[in-house]
């Protein structure tokens, strides 16, 4: 893996999440209310062949989320990380069709809705 491949993935997943959270944090802090949902991946939990950069970044998001949740707790800012395993165009190349169909992304949305609710 090239250093550029490593850096680009870190920039998208870690720095991207940091940048969005940072932009919203002061507003949420002032309002004493906020919700952030970060998206990890099963690749971060279990690893994925040929994707050391992606797996590392996605598990890094979990650590980022845990620390941010502790910082926001006293101000009613909840921060969670989901690591959905869903049947998508990306996973249909590595999962049998019946598994892809059983893991509809539609099943993830209600969880996210609950996490951001009061």
Protein backbone atom coordinates (compact mmCIF):
# COMPACT_ATOMS: atom_id res chain seq x y z
CA UNK A 1 0.00 0.00 0.00
CA UNK A 2 1.33 3.40 -0.84
CA UNK A 3 1.57 6.14 1.73
CA UNK A 4 -0.79 8.19 -0.42
CA UNK A 5 -3.43 5.42 -0.27
CA UNK A 6 -3.07 5.36 3.52
CA UNK A 7 -3.26 9.15 3.87
CA UNK A 8 -6.28 9.57 1.57
CA UNK A 9 -8.39 7.09 3.53
CA UNK A 10 -7.39 8.67 6.87
CA UNK A 11 -8.24 12.08 5.47
CA UNK A 12 -11.69 11.02 4.29
CA UNK A 13 -12.81 8.96 7.28
CA UNK A 14 -10.99 10.39 10.30
CA UNK A 15 -10.32 13.96 9.33
CA UNK A 16 -13.69 14.21 7.61
CA UNK A 17 -15.51 13.14 10.76
CA UNK A 18 -13.36 15.43 12.87
CA UNK A 19 -14.02 18.40 10.59
CA UNK A 20 -17.80 17.94 10.54
CA UNK A 21 -17.95 17.40 14.31
CA UNK A 22 -15.76 20.40 14.97
CA UNK A 23 -17.93 22.62 12.80
CA UNK A 24 -21.07 21.65 14.72
CA UNK A 25 -19.62 21.27 18.22
CA UNK A 26 -19.74 24.90 19.40
CA UNK A 27 -23.35 25.28 18.25
CA UNK A 28 -24.37 22.09 20.03
CA UNK A 29 -22.46 23.12 23.14
CA UNK A 30 -24.17 26.53 23.22
CA UNK A 31 -27.60 24.93 22.79
CA UNK A 32 -26.83 22.23 25.37
CA UNK A 33 -28.07 19.67 22.89
CA UNK A 34 -26.67 17.69 19.99
CA UNK A 35 -26.48 14.34 18.28
CA UNK A 36 -23.64 12.94 16.20
CA UNK A 37 -23.67 9.57 14.48
CA UNK A 38 -20.39 8.32 13.05
CA UNK A 39 -20.28 5.36 10.72
CA UNK A 40 -17.67 2.73 11.42
CA UNK A 41 -17.56 -0.60 9.66
CA UNK A 42 -17.39 -4.30 10.34
CA UNK A 43 -14.05 -4.03 8.52
CA UNK A 44 -12.81 -1.98 11.47
CA UNK A 45 -13.96 -4.61 13.94
CA UNK A 46 -12.95 -7.75 12.07
CA UNK A 47 -10.39 -6.47 9.56
CA UNK A 48 -10.63 -6.78 5.81
CA UNK A 49 -8.05 -8.32 3.53
CA UNK A 50 -6.34 -5.69 1.39
CA UNK A 51 -7.93 -2.85 3.34
CA UNK A 52 -5.60 -2.14 6.23
CA UNK A 53 -6.08 1.60 5.75
CA UNK A 54 -9.89 1.41 5.66
CA UNK A 55 -10.09 -1.01 8.59
CA UNK A 56 -7.81 1.19 10.68
CA UNK A 57 -9.72 4.37 9.89
CA UNK A 58 -13.09 2.81 10.67
CA UNK A 59 -11.98 1.44 14.03
CA UNK A 60 -10.32 4.80 14.72
CA UNK A 61 -13.75 6.37 14.32
CA UNK A 62 -14.94 4.21 17.20
CA UNK A 63 -12.23 5.62 19.50
CA UNK A 64 -12.96 9.13 18.27
CA UNK A 65 -16.65 8.60 19.02
CA UNK A 66 -16.04 7.22 22.51
CA UNK A 67 -13.87 10.19 23.50
CA UNK A 68 -16.26 12.73 21.97
CA UNK A 69 -19.21 11.10 23.76
CA UNK A 70 -17.45 11.59 27.10
CA UNK A 71 -16.74 15.23 26.28
CA UNK A 72 -20.32 15.93 25.21
CA UNK A 73 -22.20 14.02 27.91
CA UNK A 74 -22.42 16.90 30.39
CA UNK A 75 -23.92 19.14 27.67
CA UNK A 76 -26.54 16.67 26.41
CA UNK A 77 -24.51 15.96 23.29
CA UNK A 78 -24.76 12.28 22.45
CA UNK A 79 -22.24 10.76 20.12
CA UNK A 80 -22.60 7.23 18.78
CA UNK A 81 -20.87 5.07 16.21
CA UNK A 82 -22.71 2.49 14.16
CA UNK A 83 -20.95 -0.30 12.30
CA UNK A 84 -23.69 -1.65 10.09
CA UNK A 85 -23.32 -4.74 8.02
CA UNK A 86 -25.73 -4.24 5.19
CA UNK A 87 -26.44 -5.76 1.83
CA UNK A 88 -25.37 -3.11 -0.67
CA UNK A 89 -23.89 -2.87 -4.14
CA UNK A 90 -20.48 -3.01 -2.47
CA UNK A 91 -21.21 -6.15 -0.44
CA UNK A 92 -23.13 -8.00 -3.15
CA UNK A 93 -19.80 -8.92 -4.72
CA UNK A 94 -18.68 -10.77 -1.58
CA UNK A 95 -21.95 -12.08 -0.10
CA UNK A 96 -24.47 -14.58 -1.40
CA UNK A 97 -27.64 -12.97 -2.80
CA UNK A 98 -29.84 -14.32 0.01
CA UNK A 99 -27.57 -12.72 2.63
CA UNK A 100 -27.52 -9.40 0.77
CA UNK A 101 -31.32 -9.46 0.63
CA UNK A 102 -31.60 -10.29 4.35
CA UNK A 103 -29.33 -7.38 5.33
CA UNK A 104 -31.27 -4.50 3.81
CA UNK A 105 -29.93 -1.01 4.60
CA UNK A 106 -33.55 -0.15 5.51
CA UNK A 107 -33.00 -2.00 8.78
CA UNK A 108 -30.23 0.41 9.82
CA UNK A 109 -32.28 3.62 9.51
CA UNK A 110 -34.61 2.94 12.49
CA UNK A 111 -31.59 2.42 14.75
CA UNK A 112 -30.10 5.73 13.67
CA UNK A 113 -33.46 7.43 14.18
CA UNK A 114 -33.62 6.07 17.72
CA UNK A 115 -30.03 7.12 18.50
CA UNK A 116 -30.73 10.72 17.51
CA UNK A 117 -34.07 10.92 19.28
CA UNK A 118 -34.69 12.33 22.74
